[in-house]
Amino acid sequence: MEELGSTEYVIFERINANWLRGFEGVGGKLFLTNERLVFIPHGLNIQTEWLQLEIWGMTKIEKRKTWGIIPNGITITMEDGLVFKFVVWNRSKIIREIIRAKKIDNELM
């Protein structure tokens, strides 16, 4: 991951995840700091662009079921209406940490 900002710190790193982009699942790792959620695809993907979601811009973080039956998904809605879907294990812990980071971020604003 790139350099952290002066007030930024890592909450978790290298969480295995798939970013669902349409019908494609892009495999990689999630990193959460107190300011952003970063997805870094691994080198085996066709799509290799990073994704960075600012914590302050998240309006909704929800559990979802992959293919409507597997309880391993997270949906993040941004204030501009963009929706990002991820497949992860231990989603409750990940959602809890994102919400905690968001609360801390909102207190600083």
N, C-alpha and C. Protein backbone atom coordinates (compact mmCIF):
# COMPACT_ATOMS: atom_id res chain seq x y z
N MET A 1 0.85 -1.18 0.00
CA MET A 1 0.00 0.00 0.00
C MET A 1 0.89 1.24 0.00
N GLU A 2 0.37 2.31 -0.56
CA GLU A 2 1.15 3.55 -0.64
C GLU A 2 1.35 4.15 0.75
N GLU A 3 2.08 5.23 0.80
CA GLU A 3 2.38 5.90 2.06
C GLU A 3 1.11 6.39 2.75
N LEU A 4 1.13 6.35 4.06
CA LEU A 4 0.00 6.83 4.85
C LEU A 4 0.12 8.33 5.05
N GLY A 5 -1.05 8.97 5.21
CA GLY A 5 -1.07 10.39 5.53
C GLY A 5 -0.53 10.63 6.93
N SER A 6 -0.30 11.87 7.27
CA SER A 6 0.33 12.21 8.56
C SER A 6 -0.52 11.80 9.77
N THR A 7 -1.84 11.75 9.62
CA THR A 7 -2.71 11.36 10.74
C THR A 7 -3.34 9.99 10.52
N GLU A 8 -2.89 9.29 9.49
CA GLU A 8 -3.50 8.02 9.09
C GLU A 8 -2.76 6.84 9.73
N TYR A 9 -3.53 5.82 10.13
CA TYR A 9 -2.91 4.60 10.66
C TYR A 9 -3.71 3.39 10.18
N VAL A 10 -3.06 2.24 10.12
CA VAL A 10 -3.67 1.00 9.62
C VAL A 10 -4.49 0.34 10.72
N ILE A 11 -5.72 -0.04 10.38
CA ILE A 11 -6.58 -0.79 11.30
C ILE A 11 -6.49 -2.27 10.98
N PHE A 12 -6.60 -2.64 9.72
CA PHE A 12 -6.31 -4.01 9.30
C PHE A 12 -5.72 -3.98 7.90
N GLU A 13 -5.02 -5.06 7.57
CA GLU A 13 -4.37 -5.12 6.26
C GLU A 13 -4.34 -6.55 5.75
N ARG A 14 -4.26 -6.65 4.43
CA ARG A 14 -4.12 -7.93 3.73
C ARG A 14 -5.26 -8.91 4.01
N ILE A 15 -6.48 -8.39 4.03
CA ILE A 15 -7.66 -9.25 4.17
C ILE A 15 -8.03 -9.75 2.77
N ASN A 16 -8.07 -11.06 2.58
CA ASN A 16 -8.45 -11.62 1.28
C ASN A 16 -9.86 -11.18 0.92
N ALA A 17 -10.03 -10.73 -0.32
CA ALA A 17 -11.33 -10.24 -0.76
C ALA A 17 -11.45 -10.35 -2.27
N ASN A 18 -12.67 -10.34 -2.73
CA ASN A 18 -12.98 -10.20 -4.15
C ASN A 18 -13.85 -8.97 -4.30
N TRP A 19 -13.48 -8.10 -5.22
CA TRP A 19 -14.28 -6.92 -5.55
C TRP A 19 -15.15 -7.32 -6.73
N LEU A 20 -16.45 -7.28 -6.55
CA LEU A 20 -17.37 -7.68 -7.60
C LEU A 20 -17.61 -6.48 -8.52
N ARG A 21 -17.09 -6.59 -9.74
CA ARG A 21 -17.23 -5.53 -10.74
C ARG A 21 -18.08 -6.11 -11.85
N GLY A 22 -19.38 -5.87 -11.77
CA GLY A 22 -20.30 -6.48 -12.72
C GLY A 22 -20.35 -7.97 -12.47
N PHE A 23 -20.04 -8.76 -13.48
CA PHE A 23 -20.03 -10.21 -13.32
C PHE A 23 -18.66 -10.75 -12.96
N GLU A 24 -17.66 -9.88 -12.90
CA GLU A 24 -16.30 -10.34 -12.60
C GLU A 24 -15.96 -10.14 -11.14
N GLY A 25 -15.31 -11.13 -10.56
CA GLY A 25 -14.79 -11.02 -9.21
C GLY A 25 -13.28 -10.80 -9.28
N VAL A 26 -12.84 -9.62 -8.91
CA VAL A 26 -11.41 -9.28 -8.96
C VAL A 26 -10.81 -9.64 -7.60
N GLY A 27 -9.89 -10.58 -7.57
CA GLY A 27 -9.28 -11.02 -6.32
C GLY A 27 -8.18 -10.09 -5.87
N GLY A 28 -8.05 -9.95 -4.55
CA GLY A 28 -7.00 -9.11 -4.01
C GLY A 28 -7.07 -9.01 -2.51
N LYS A 29 -6.57 -7.91 -1.98
CA LYS A 29 -6.49 -7.68 -0.54
C LYS A 29 -7.13 -6.35 -0.18
N LEU A 30 -7.79 -6.34 0.98
CA LEU A 30 -8.35 -5.11 1.54
C LEU A 30 -7.46 -4.60 2.65
N PHE A 31 -7.34 -3.29 2.69
CA PHE A 31 -6.62 -2.59 3.75
C PHE A 31 -7.56 -1.53 4.29
N LEU A 32 -7.64 -1.39 5.60
CA LEU A 32 -8.47 -0.34 6.20
C LEU A 32 -7.58 0.53 7.07
N THR A 33 -7.67 1.83 6.83
CA THR A 33 -7.04 2.80 7.71
C THR A 33 -8.15 3.61 8.36
N ASN A 34 -7.79 4.52 9.21
CA ASN A 34 -8.79 5.38 9.83
C ASN A 34 -9.36 6.39 8.85
N GLU A 35 -8.85 6.44 7.61
CA GLU A 35 -9.31 7.41 6.62
C GLU A 35 -9.88 6.80 5.35
N ARG A 36 -9.52 5.54 5.03
CA ARG A 36 -9.94 4.97 3.75
C ARG A 36 -9.91 3.44 3.77
N LEU A 37 -10.67 2.87 2.86
CA LEU A 37 -10.64 1.45 2.59
C LEU A 37 -9.97 1.29 1.23
N VAL A 38 -8.93 0.47 1.15
CA VAL A 38 -8.17 0.31 -0.08
C VAL A 38 -8.25 -1.15 -0.51
N PHE A 39 -8.55 -1.37 -1.79
CA PHE A 39 -8.52 -2.71 -2.37
C PHE A 39 -7.40 -2.75 -3.38
N ILE A 40 -6.48 -3.72 -3.21
CA ILE A 40 -5.36 -3.88 -4.14
C ILE A 40 -5.49 -5.25 -4.79
N PRO A 41 -5.76 -5.30 -6.10
CA PRO A 41 -5.89 -6.57 -6.80
C PRO A 41 -4.55 -7.30 -6.88
N HIS A 42 -4.60 -8.62 -6.90
CA HIS A 42 -3.35 -9.35 -7.09
C HIS A 42 -3.03 -9.41 -8.59
N GLY A 43 -1.81 -9.78 -8.90
CA GLY A 43 -1.30 -9.71 -10.26
C GLY A 43 -1.93 -10.66 -11.26
N LEU A 44 -2.72 -11.62 -10.81
CA LEU A 44 -3.32 -12.58 -11.73
C LEU A 44 -4.60 -12.07 -12.38
N ASN A 45 -5.06 -10.91 -11.98
CA ASN A 45 -6.29 -10.35 -12.53
C ASN A 45 -6.02 -9.62 -13.84
N ILE A 46 -7.05 -9.58 -14.67
CA ILE A 46 -6.99 -8.75 -15.88
C ILE A 46 -7.11 -7.28 -15.47
N GLN A 47 -8.03 -7.01 -14.55
CA GLN A 47 -8.21 -5.64 -14.05
C GLN A 47 -7.31 -5.47 -12.83
N THR A 48 -6.37 -4.57 -12.90
CA THR A 48 -5.39 -4.42 -11.82
C THR A 48 -5.41 -3.04 -11.16
N GLU A 49 -6.45 -2.25 -11.42
CA GLU A 49 -6.49 -0.92 -10.80
C GLU A 49 -6.88 -1.02 -9.34
N TRP A 50 -6.26 -0.18 -8.53
CA TRP A 50 -6.57 -0.09 -7.10
C TRP A 50 -7.90 0.63 -6.93
N LEU A 51 -8.52 0.39 -5.80
CA LEU A 51 -9.74 1.10 -5.42
C LEU A 51 -9.51 1.71 -4.05
N GLN A 52 -9.82 3.00 -3.92
CA GLN A 52 -9.73 3.66 -2.62
C GLN A 52 -11.06 4.32 -2.33
N LEU A 53 -11.65 3.97 -1.20
CA LEU A 53 -12.91 4.56 -0.77
C LEU A 53 -12.66 5.35 0.51
N GLU A 54 -12.92 6.63 0.44
CA GLU A 54 -12.74 7.48 1.62
C GLU A 54 -13.82 7.16 2.65
N ILE A 55 -13.42 7.01 3.90
CA ILE A 55 -14.36 6.66 4.97
C ILE A 55 -15.47 7.71 5.08
N TRP A 56 -15.10 8.98 4.99
CA TRP A 56 -16.09 10.04 5.16
C TRP A 56 -17.18 10.01 4.10
N GLY A 57 -16.91 9.43 2.93
CA GLY A 57 -17.88 9.40 1.84
C GLY A 57 -18.83 8.22 1.86
N MET A 58 -18.66 7.30 2.81
CA MET A 58 -19.53 6.13 2.90
C MET A 58 -20.83 6.49 3.59
N THR A 59 -21.96 6.17 2.95
CA THR A 59 -23.25 6.45 3.57
C THR A 59 -23.96 5.21 4.08
N LYS A 60 -23.57 4.04 3.54
CA LYS A 60 -24.21 2.80 3.97
C LYS A 60 -23.23 1.65 3.82
N ILE A 61 -23.19 0.79 4.85
CA ILE A 61 -22.35 -0.41 4.83
C ILE A 61 -23.25 -1.55 5.26
N GLU A 62 -23.44 -2.53 4.37
CA GLU A 62 -24.41 -3.59 4.63
C GLU A 62 -23.84 -4.97 4.36
N LYS A 63 -24.40 -5.96 5.05
CA LYS A 63 -24.12 -7.35 4.74
C LYS A 63 -24.92 -7.72 3.50
N ARG A 64 -24.38 -8.63 2.70
CA ARG A 64 -25.11 -9.12 1.54
C ARG A 64 -24.78 -10.60 1.35
N LYS A 65 -25.60 -11.26 0.58
CA LYS A 65 -25.38 -12.67 0.27
C LYS A 65 -24.93 -12.79 -1.18
N THR A 66 -23.80 -13.46 -1.37
CA THR A 66 -23.30 -13.71 -2.72
C THR A 66 -24.22 -14.73 -3.38
N TRP A 67 -24.61 -14.48 -4.62
CA TRP A 67 -25.56 -15.30 -5.37
C TRP A 67 -26.87 -15.50 -4.61
N GLY A 68 -27.15 -14.60 -3.67
CA GLY A 68 -28.40 -14.66 -2.91
C GLY A 68 -28.45 -15.72 -1.83
N ILE A 69 -27.35 -16.50 -1.65
CA ILE A 69 -27.40 -17.57 -0.65
C ILE A 69 -26.19 -17.64 0.28
N ILE A 70 -25.02 -17.18 -0.16
CA ILE A 70 -23.81 -17.33 0.64
C ILE A 70 -23.59 -16.05 1.45
N PRO A 71 -23.62 -16.14 2.79
CA PRO A 71 -23.51 -14.94 3.63
C PRO A 71 -22.06 -14.47 3.81
N ASN A 72 -21.47 -13.97 2.72
CA ASN A 72 -20.07 -13.54 2.80
C ASN A 72 -19.81 -12.23 2.07
N GLY A 73 -20.82 -11.43 1.90
CA GLY A 73 -20.64 -10.20 1.13
C GLY A 73 -20.84 -8.94 1.94
N ILE A 74 -20.24 -7.87 1.43
CA ILE A 74 -20.39 -6.52 1.98
C ILE A 74 -20.72 -5.60 0.81
N THR A 75 -21.68 -4.71 1.02
CA THR A 75 -22.00 -3.67 0.06
C THR A 75 -21.74 -2.32 0.71
N ILE A 76 -21.00 -1.47 0.02
CA ILE A 76 -20.70 -0.12 0.52
C ILE A 76 -21.27 0.87 -0.48
N THR A 77 -22.11 1.76 0.01
CA THR A 77 -22.70 2.82 -0.82
C THR A 77 -22.04 4.14 -0.44
N MET A 78 -21.60 4.86 -1.46
CA MET A 78 -20.93 6.14 -1.26
C MET A 78 -21.94 7.28 -1.41
N GLU A 79 -21.60 8.44 -0.92
CA GLU A 79 -22.54 9.57 -0.96
C GLU A 79 -22.86 10.01 -2.38
N ASP A 80 -22.01 9.70 -3.35
CA ASP A 80 -22.31 10.03 -4.74
C ASP A 80 -23.18 8.97 -5.42
N GLY A 81 -23.61 7.95 -4.64
CA GLY A 81 -24.50 6.92 -5.16
C GLY A 81 -23.79 5.69 -5.72
N LEU A 82 -22.48 5.74 -5.86
CA LEU A 82 -21.75 4.55 -6.34
C LEU A 82 -21.82 3.44 -5.30
N VAL A 83 -21.95 2.21 -5.77
CA VAL A 83 -22.08 1.05 -4.89
C VAL A 83 -20.93 0.09 -5.19
N PHE A 84 -20.28 -0.40 -4.15
CA PHE A 84 -19.16 -1.32 -4.26
C PHE A 84 -19.47 -2.58 -3.48
N LYS A 85 -19.25 -3.73 -4.12
CA LYS A 85 -19.56 -5.02 -3.50
C LYS A 85 -18.28 -5.83 -3.37
N PHE A 86 -18.13 -6.45 -2.19
CA PHE A 86 -16.97 -7.28 -1.91
C PHE A 86 -17.42 -8.62 -1.35
N VAL A 87 -16.63 -9.64 -1.61
CA VAL A 87 -16.81 -10.95 -0.99
C VAL A 87 -15.65 -11.12 -0.02
N VAL A 88 -15.96 -11.39 1.23
CA VAL A 88 -14.94 -11.55 2.28
C VAL A 88 -15.41 -12.61 3.28
N TRP A 89 -14.49 -13.12 4.04
CA TRP A 89 -14.84 -13.95 5.18
C TRP A 89 -14.75 -13.07 6.41
N ASN A 90 -15.51 -13.40 7.43
CA ASN A 90 -15.56 -12.63 8.68
C ASN A 90 -16.07 -11.21 8.43
N ARG A 91 -17.13 -11.13 7.66
CA ARG A 91 -17.65 -9.82 7.26
C ARG A 91 -18.15 -8.98 8.43
N SER A 92 -18.67 -9.62 9.48
CA SER A 92 -19.16 -8.85 10.63
C SER A 92 -18.04 -8.04 11.26
N LYS A 93 -16.88 -8.66 11.42
CA LYS A 93 -15.73 -7.96 11.99
C LYS A 93 -15.28 -6.82 11.08
N ILE A 94 -15.24 -7.06 9.80
CA ILE A 94 -14.80 -6.04 8.85
C ILE A 94 -15.77 -4.86 8.86
N ILE A 95 -17.07 -5.15 8.82
CA ILE A 95 -18.08 -4.07 8.87
C ILE A 95 -17.95 -3.28 10.16
N ARG A 96 -17.78 -3.99 11.27
CA ARG A 96 -17.64 -3.32 12.58
C ARG A 96 -16.44 -2.36 12.57
N GLU A 97 -15.32 -2.79 12.01
CA GLU A 97 -14.13 -1.94 11.97
C GLU A 97 -14.31 -0.74 11.05
N ILE A 98 -14.99 -0.92 9.93
CA ILE A 98 -15.26 0.21 9.03
C ILE A 98 -16.17 1.22 9.73
N ILE A 99 -17.20 0.74 10.40
CA ILE A 99 -18.12 1.65 11.11
C ILE A 99 -17.39 2.37 12.23
N ARG A 100 -16.54 1.66 12.95
CA ARG A 100 -15.75 2.30 14.02
C ARG A 100 -14.85 3.38 13.43
N ALA A 101 -14.19 3.10 12.32
CA ALA A 101 -13.33 4.10 11.67
C ALA A 101 -14.14 5.29 11.21
N LYS A 102 -15.34 5.04 10.70
CA LYS A 102 -16.22 6.12 10.24
C LYS A 102 -16.63 7.01 11.40
N LYS A 103 -16.95 6.41 12.53
CA LYS A 103 -17.33 7.21 13.72
C LYS A 103 -16.18 8.08 14.17
N ILE A 104 -14.97 7.51 14.19
CA ILE A 104 -13.79 8.29 14.57
C ILE A 104 -13.57 9.42 13.58
N ASP A 105 -13.70 9.13 12.28
CA ASP A 105 -13.52 10.13 11.24
C ASP A 105 -14.53 11.26 11.39
N ASN A 106 -15.80 10.92 11.67
CA ASN A 106 -16.83 11.94 11.83
C ASN A 106 -16.57 12.82 13.04
N GLU A 107 -15.99 12.26 14.10
CA GLU A 107 -15.67 13.06 15.29
C GLU A 107 -14.58 14.08 15.01
N LEU A 108 -13.68 13.75 14.07
CA LEU A 108 -12.58 14.65 13.75
C LEU A 108 -12.98 15.78 12.82
N MET A 109 -14.11 15.63 12.12
CA MET A 109 -14.52 16.62 11.13
C MET A 109 -15.19 17.82 11.79
